[in-house]
Each structure stands twice: as C-alpha cells, then as structure tokens.
Protein backbone atom coordinates (compact mmCIF):
# COMPACT_ATOMS: atom_id res chain seq x y z
CA MET A 1 -68.61 124.09 3.92
CA ASP A 2 -69.69 121.82 1.52
CA LEU A 3 -73.19 123.03 1.03
CA LYS A 4 -75.58 122.29 -1.51
CA ILE A 5 -78.99 123.23 -2.34
CA GLY A 6 -81.71 120.86 -3.47
CA ALA A 7 -83.46 120.67 -6.50
CA GLY A 8 -86.88 120.90 -5.02
CA THR A 9 -85.40 124.66 -3.54
CA ILE A 10 -85.05 125.77 -6.74
CA ALA A 11 -87.59 124.47 -8.77
CA GLY A 12 -89.54 126.17 -5.90
CA TYR A 13 -87.79 129.68 -6.38
CA ILE A 14 -88.15 128.97 -10.04
CA VAL A 15 -92.52 128.49 -9.70
CA GLU A 16 -92.61 131.04 -7.73
CA GLY A 17 -90.69 133.44 -10.20
CA ILE A 18 -93.02 132.51 -13.26
CA MET A 19 -96.19 132.69 -11.60
CA VAL A 20 -96.00 135.94 -9.60
CA ILE A 21 -94.64 137.78 -13.11
CA LEU A 22 -97.62 135.56 -15.21
CA ILE A 23 -100.24 136.67 -12.92
CA PRO A 24 -100.42 140.25 -13.42
CA VAL A 25 -99.70 139.98 -16.76
CA ILE A 26 -102.83 137.86 -17.30
CA LEU A 27 -105.04 139.99 -14.75
CA LEU A 28 -104.31 142.56 -16.64
CA ILE A 29 -105.25 141.22 -20.18
CA VAL A 30 -108.45 139.59 -19.13
CA TRP A 31 -109.31 143.31 -17.01
CA LYS A 32 -108.62 145.34 -20.69
CA LYS A 33 -110.33 142.63 -22.61
CA LYS A 34 -113.57 142.65 -20.27
CA THR A 35 -113.71 146.44 -19.27
CA LYS A 36 -111.82 148.33 -22.11
CA ALA A 37 -110.12 150.46 -19.98
CA SER A 38 -107.18 152.52 -20.75
CA LEU A 39 -103.96 151.22 -20.28
CA LYS A 40 -101.76 154.62 -18.89
CA PRO A 41 -103.48 153.94 -15.27
CA ALA A 42 -101.88 150.73 -15.14
CA ILE A 43 -98.59 151.75 -17.03
CA THR A 44 -98.37 155.06 -14.12
CA GLY A 45 -99.05 152.20 -11.79
CA MET A 46 -96.02 150.23 -12.84
CA ILE A 47 -93.92 153.95 -12.44
CA ILE A 48 -94.88 155.09 -9.28
CA PHE A 49 -94.55 152.02 -7.65
CA PRO A 50 -90.37 152.09 -8.15
CA VAL A 51 -90.06 155.90 -7.72
CA PHE A 52 -92.08 156.09 -4.91
CA GLY A 53 -92.08 153.07 -3.22
CA ILE A 54 -88.43 151.72 -3.51
CA LEU A 55 -86.34 155.14 -4.53
CA LEU A 56 -88.45 157.66 -2.65
CA LYS A 57 -88.84 155.58 0.29
CA LEU A 58 -84.73 155.08 0.63
CA ILE A 59 -84.44 158.59 1.97
CA PRO A 60 -86.12 158.49 5.41
CA GLY A 61 -85.04 154.69 5.29
CA TYR A 62 -81.57 155.48 4.98
CA PHE A 63 -81.96 158.23 8.09
CA LEU A 64 -84.48 155.81 9.94
CA LEU A 65 -82.69 152.20 9.55
CA MET A 66 -79.73 152.54 7.94
CA ALA A 67 -77.62 155.15 9.28
CA ASP A 68 -75.92 155.12 13.07
CA ASN A 69 -78.28 157.03 14.89
CA PRO A 70 -80.39 157.07 18.00
CA VAL A 71 -83.16 156.29 16.39
CA SER A 72 -82.37 153.85 13.64
CA ARG A 73 -80.65 151.76 16.71
CA ALA A 74 -84.19 151.80 18.47
CA ILE A 75 -85.67 150.71 15.79
CA ASN A 76 -83.51 147.90 14.80
CA SER A 77 -83.33 146.88 18.38
CA ASN A 78 -86.94 145.91 18.69
CA ILE A 79 -89.08 143.72 15.68
CA TRP A 80 -92.24 145.94 16.68
CA LEU A 81 -90.93 149.13 15.40
CA TYR A 82 -88.60 148.02 12.58
CA SER A 83 -92.04 145.71 11.60
CA ILE A 84 -94.49 149.43 11.91
CA ILE A 85 -91.92 151.79 10.88
CA GLY A 86 -89.29 150.79 8.26
CA GLY A 87 -91.83 147.70 7.11
CA GLY A 88 -95.27 149.46 7.21
CA LEU A 89 -95.34 152.70 7.86
CA LEU A 90 -92.74 154.21 5.07
CA ALA A 91 -94.57 151.42 3.09
CA GLY A 92 -97.70 153.33 3.56
CA ILE A 93 -96.65 156.63 3.53
CA PHE A 94 -94.96 156.60 -0.17
CA GLU A 95 -96.92 154.27 -1.95
CA GLU A 96 -100.47 155.57 -1.27
CA GLY A 97 -98.57 159.17 -1.56
CA GLY A 98 -97.66 158.09 -4.51
CA ARG A 99 -100.85 156.64 -5.75
CA PHE A 100 -102.69 160.04 -4.40
CA PHE A 101 -100.34 161.61 -6.63
CA ALA A 102 -101.08 159.57 -9.98
CA PHE A 103 -104.97 160.15 -9.76
CA LYS A 104 -104.50 164.04 -8.61
CA VAL A 105 -101.94 165.12 -11.27
CA ILE A 106 -100.88 162.21 -14.06
CA LEU A 107 -104.71 160.77 -14.17
CA LYS A 108 -106.73 163.86 -13.19
CA LYS A 109 -108.24 163.03 -16.67
CA TYR A 110 -109.35 159.11 -16.09
CA THR A 111 -112.10 159.71 -13.67
CA SER A 112 -113.51 156.16 -14.49
CA ASN A 113 -114.03 153.59 -11.35
CA LYS A 114 -112.15 151.22 -14.14
CA ASP A 115 -108.60 153.19 -14.13
CA ALA A 116 -108.72 152.94 -10.25
CA VAL A 117 -108.55 148.69 -10.84
CA SER A 118 -106.58 149.31 -13.79
CA TYR A 119 -103.71 151.43 -11.96
CA GLY A 120 -103.98 148.71 -9.05
CA ILE A 121 -103.23 145.76 -11.33
CA GLY A 122 -99.84 147.80 -12.74
CA HIS A 123 -98.84 149.35 -9.24
CA GLY A 124 -99.50 145.83 -7.32
CA GLY A 125 -98.02 143.70 -11.08
CA PHE A 126 -94.57 145.64 -10.74
CA GLU A 127 -94.25 144.66 -7.35
CA SER A 128 -94.49 140.89 -8.10
CA ALA A 129 -93.24 140.82 -11.28
CA TYR A 130 -89.97 142.56 -9.03
CA VAL A 131 -90.31 140.24 -6.55
CA GLY A 132 -90.58 137.26 -8.81
CA ILE A 133 -87.06 138.90 -10.79
CA SER A 134 -85.69 138.61 -7.19
CA MET A 135 -86.71 134.73 -7.06
CA PHE A 136 -84.50 134.08 -10.11
CA SER A 137 -81.21 135.79 -8.61
CA TYR A 138 -82.05 132.95 -5.52
CA VAL A 139 -81.99 130.39 -8.74
CA MET A 140 -78.38 132.05 -9.76
CA ILE A 141 -77.22 131.61 -6.21
CA ALA A 142 -78.41 128.29 -5.82
CA ILE A 143 -76.55 127.01 -9.26
CA MET A 144 -73.13 128.55 -8.13
CA VAL A 145 -73.20 127.08 -4.71
CA ASN A 146 -74.00 123.36 -6.31
CA SER A 147 -71.17 124.14 -8.69
CA GLY A 148 -68.48 124.93 -6.13
CA ASN A 149 -68.63 128.71 -6.46
CA THR A 150 -69.91 130.16 -3.55
CA GLY A 151 -65.99 131.75 -2.88
CA LEU A 152 -67.53 134.28 -5.30
CA LEU A 153 -70.24 135.24 -3.66
CA THR A 154 -68.38 136.19 -0.31
CA ALA A 155 -65.52 137.74 -2.71
CA GLY A 156 -63.94 140.85 -0.96
CA LEU A 157 -66.53 140.57 1.47
CA ASP A 158 -65.55 141.58 5.53
CA GLU A 159 -66.11 139.18 8.07
CA ALA A 160 -70.19 140.39 8.93
CA ASN A 161 -71.25 140.48 5.81
CA THR A 162 -69.43 136.68 4.82
CA ALA A 163 -71.37 135.40 7.82
CA ALA A 164 -74.67 137.20 6.38
CA VAL A 165 -74.36 135.96 2.98
CA MET A 166 -74.08 132.53 4.54
CA ALA A 167 -76.71 133.05 6.30
CA GLN A 168 -78.86 133.99 3.51
CA ILE A 169 -77.28 130.78 1.74
CA GLU A 170 -78.18 128.26 4.68
CA SER A 171 -81.56 130.18 4.63
CA ILE A 172 -82.46 129.60 0.91
CA ALA A 173 -81.23 125.77 0.80
CA ALA A 174 -83.21 125.06 4.16
CA THR A 175 -86.19 126.27 2.42
CA PRO A 176 -88.85 123.12 0.63
CA PHE A 177 -90.21 123.86 -3.01
CA PHE A 178 -93.53 124.23 -1.23
CA THR A 179 -92.96 127.85 0.62
CA PRO A 180 -91.57 129.38 -1.96
CA ALA A 181 -93.88 127.77 -5.14
CA VAL A 182 -97.23 127.88 -2.89
CA PHE A 183 -96.94 130.41 -0.19
CA GLY A 184 -94.73 132.78 -1.99
CA THR A 185 -97.00 133.26 -4.72
CA LEU A 186 -100.23 133.40 -2.45
CA GLU A 187 -98.41 136.09 -0.80
CA ARG A 188 -97.80 138.08 -4.34
CA ILE A 189 -102.06 137.16 -4.99
CA SER A 190 -103.00 138.64 -2.32
CA ALA A 191 -100.69 141.36 -2.23
CA ILE A 192 -102.16 142.20 -5.71
CA ILE A 193 -105.64 142.09 -4.37
CA PHE A 194 -104.63 144.59 -1.69
CA HIS A 195 -102.93 147.19 -3.87
CA THR A 196 -106.20 147.04 -6.00
CA ALA A 197 -108.55 147.72 -2.91
CA MET A 198 -106.35 150.53 -2.00
CA SER A 199 -106.04 151.85 -5.52
CA VAL A 200 -109.95 152.13 -5.75
CA PHE A 201 -109.84 153.79 -1.83
CA VAL A 202 -107.07 156.93 -2.80
CA PHE A 203 -108.77 156.85 -6.43
CA ALA A 204 -111.85 157.93 -4.86
CA ALA A 205 -109.90 160.29 -1.94
CA ALA A 206 -108.13 161.95 -5.48
CA ASN A 207 -111.32 162.52 -6.74
CA ASN A 208 -114.13 163.33 -4.47
CA LYS A 209 -113.40 165.22 -1.18
CA LYS A 210 -116.47 164.06 0.84
CA TYR A 211 -114.05 160.48 0.32
CA ILE A 212 -110.66 162.44 0.95
CA PHE A 213 -111.01 160.13 4.37
CA LEU A 214 -110.00 157.29 2.62
CA PHE A 215 -106.32 158.33 1.62
CA PRO A 216 -104.85 158.50 5.31
CA ALA A 217 -107.24 155.45 5.91
CA ALA A 218 -105.28 153.48 3.00
CA ILE A 219 -101.98 154.67 4.51
CA LEU A 220 -103.37 153.07 7.83
CA LEU A 221 -104.42 149.95 6.25
CA HIS A 222 -100.99 149.83 4.78
CA THR A 223 -98.88 149.96 7.71
CA ALA A 224 -101.31 147.26 9.56
CA LEU A 225 -101.00 144.83 6.59
CA ASN A 226 -97.16 145.01 6.57
CA SER A 227 -96.34 145.14 10.14
CA MET A 228 -97.74 141.02 9.97
CA THR A 229 -94.75 140.32 10.14
CA ALA A 230 -93.57 140.72 13.04
CA PHE A 231 -96.31 138.27 14.41
CA TYR A 232 -94.31 135.16 12.08
CA GLN A 233 -90.89 137.29 13.08
CA THR A 234 -91.51 136.80 16.62
CA GLY A 235 -92.42 133.17 16.46
CA MET A 236 -96.35 133.99 17.45
CA ILE A 237 -97.66 132.43 14.12
CA SER A 238 -95.93 130.12 11.49
CA VAL A 239 -95.52 131.43 7.88
CA ILE A 240 -98.42 129.57 6.78
CA ALA A 241 -100.58 130.95 9.17
CA LEU A 242 -99.15 134.39 8.42
CA GLU A 243 -99.71 134.11 4.75
CA PHE A 244 -104.00 132.93 5.14
CA ILE A 245 -104.13 136.21 7.85
CA ILE A 246 -102.75 138.54 5.07
CA LEU A 247 -105.05 136.75 2.03
CA GLY A 248 -108.19 137.09 4.69
CA PHE A 249 -106.92 141.05 5.33
CA ALA A 250 -106.65 141.58 1.49
CA LEU A 251 -109.72 139.86 0.87
CA VAL A 252 -111.90 141.98 3.58
CA MET A 253 -110.51 145.01 2.01
CA ALA A 254 -111.35 143.89 -1.51
CA PHE A 255 -115.03 143.81 -0.73
CA LEU A 256 -114.66 147.30 0.77
CA ALA A 257 -113.71 148.27 -2.18
CA PHE A 258 -116.11 146.48 -4.74
CA LYS A 259 -118.65 148.48 -2.68
CA MET A 260 -116.74 151.56 -3.24
CA TYR A 261 -116.43 150.40 -7.20
CA LYS A 262 -119.70 150.24 -7.48
CA LYS A 263 -120.94 153.14 -5.14
CA LEU A 264 -118.50 155.35 -7.06
CA GLY A 265 -119.56 153.62 -10.86
CA GLU A 266 -123.11 154.59 -9.64
CA GLU A 267 -122.15 158.73 -9.10
C-alpha cells in the first residue's frame, strides 16, 4: 500500500502532544505560586491515576472486555454497553475510588480545599501527559510509514492484527491538522477541568460525612462523561459537537465544584 501521512497531520499530533503536556505543568506552577499549596496532593494524583485508573482497572476490564465470555461478547457487540461499562463505569469506579482512597488514607492530614484542587491538577495532568506521549507515538508511526517502513509495524502479526494496524494507520493519515491540534487539545483541557471538579467533590466526601453522597455522585458523573463518546461513535453527532458538549459538561461541574470549594473554605 502506497500510503503517505501528510505534514499537516504530523504537525497536528505534535502540537497536541506538546500542548497537553505543557498545559497541566503551567497550571500547576501557576496554582502553586498563587496559593502556596503543597505539591504532595498533586504528586499523589500523578501516582493514583496510573495505579487505579490504568493498572487496577485492567483486572475487571480483562474479564468484562477482553476475555472471551458471554458478558464480554455482549458488551463488545453493543456500542452503548461498551461506552457505558467499558469507557465510563470502570473509569468512574477506579478513578473516583482512587481519589477517595488518596484523600482518606494518603492525604488525610491535607484538609485544605486548596489540596483538592492540587490533587485534581496532578490526576488530570498525568492523564493529559499520558495522552500527549501517545500523540508522539503517532508521529513515530507516521515517520515510519512515510519512510517506507510500514512493514516493520506489522512484522510477525497475523492477518487480523495486521488489518487492525493498517486500519489505524489509515485513520491517522485521514486526520486533518485541526482535529488533534485543536479538538484533541480542547478535550484534554475539558478533562483537566472535570478531574479538578471531581477532586473537590470527592475531597468533600472524604473529609465530611454530610457530603459522602458526592462520592457515588462523582462515579456516576464520570460514567456519564466518558459514555458520551457513544453519541459520536454511533454517528448521532460530530466530533466537534461532542467536544463542545464535553466542555460544557465540564464547565458546569467546575461551577458546582467552585461553590463547594467556597463552602469548604468557609467551614
């Protein structure tokens, strides 16, 4: 296959990769300078996300999504079930559960509302950087394809996996500059806003029994946010519309979290 990936596409992934790594770093520096908040909550968030949000989530994820069984077949055959359970509920349970564990156990002496925001920046920032690194992996794939080394990407793979890799390469090649550069970056901004808002909610739940309802609420809200991808995957809305819906949802959560943040400061 004589396939080339355009310079605009490659530039788009580079821009997104740089932006989504720099944005949380700058945000944390500004927050630290403005509030003098401790960095420990942010560092804790950077650790909790990969442990709970990636590694521990793999355990039920394997049985529900990857292993061959009636449940996994049912979930994988229905985009709505896959988005709600695989994309939403698992992330909600493990990421919000990790947040609650962090505030209840690791950060139990960090009771300032500023620490909730610091944690959110660390948690969301690590996820953003993780996505940024994957963008550079796309750049490396593009370079290999354009240099005529596509075969190295499929070497040793069976027919099904080779087809999957080639489909991914074709998807990358068909991506215009603005999709990763603009909308990919916007998605990460929305995610950081959302993670920070959820951190305030779960912080309140972990530190005050009267707000304990905010913990399951955060799980449901996380599930709802991640499940929105099904609207795009089923062709109901465009990717542009999806990103603005997600941004709007994140901003509403930020507004509610800000009110809780102020209330926690008064208490």
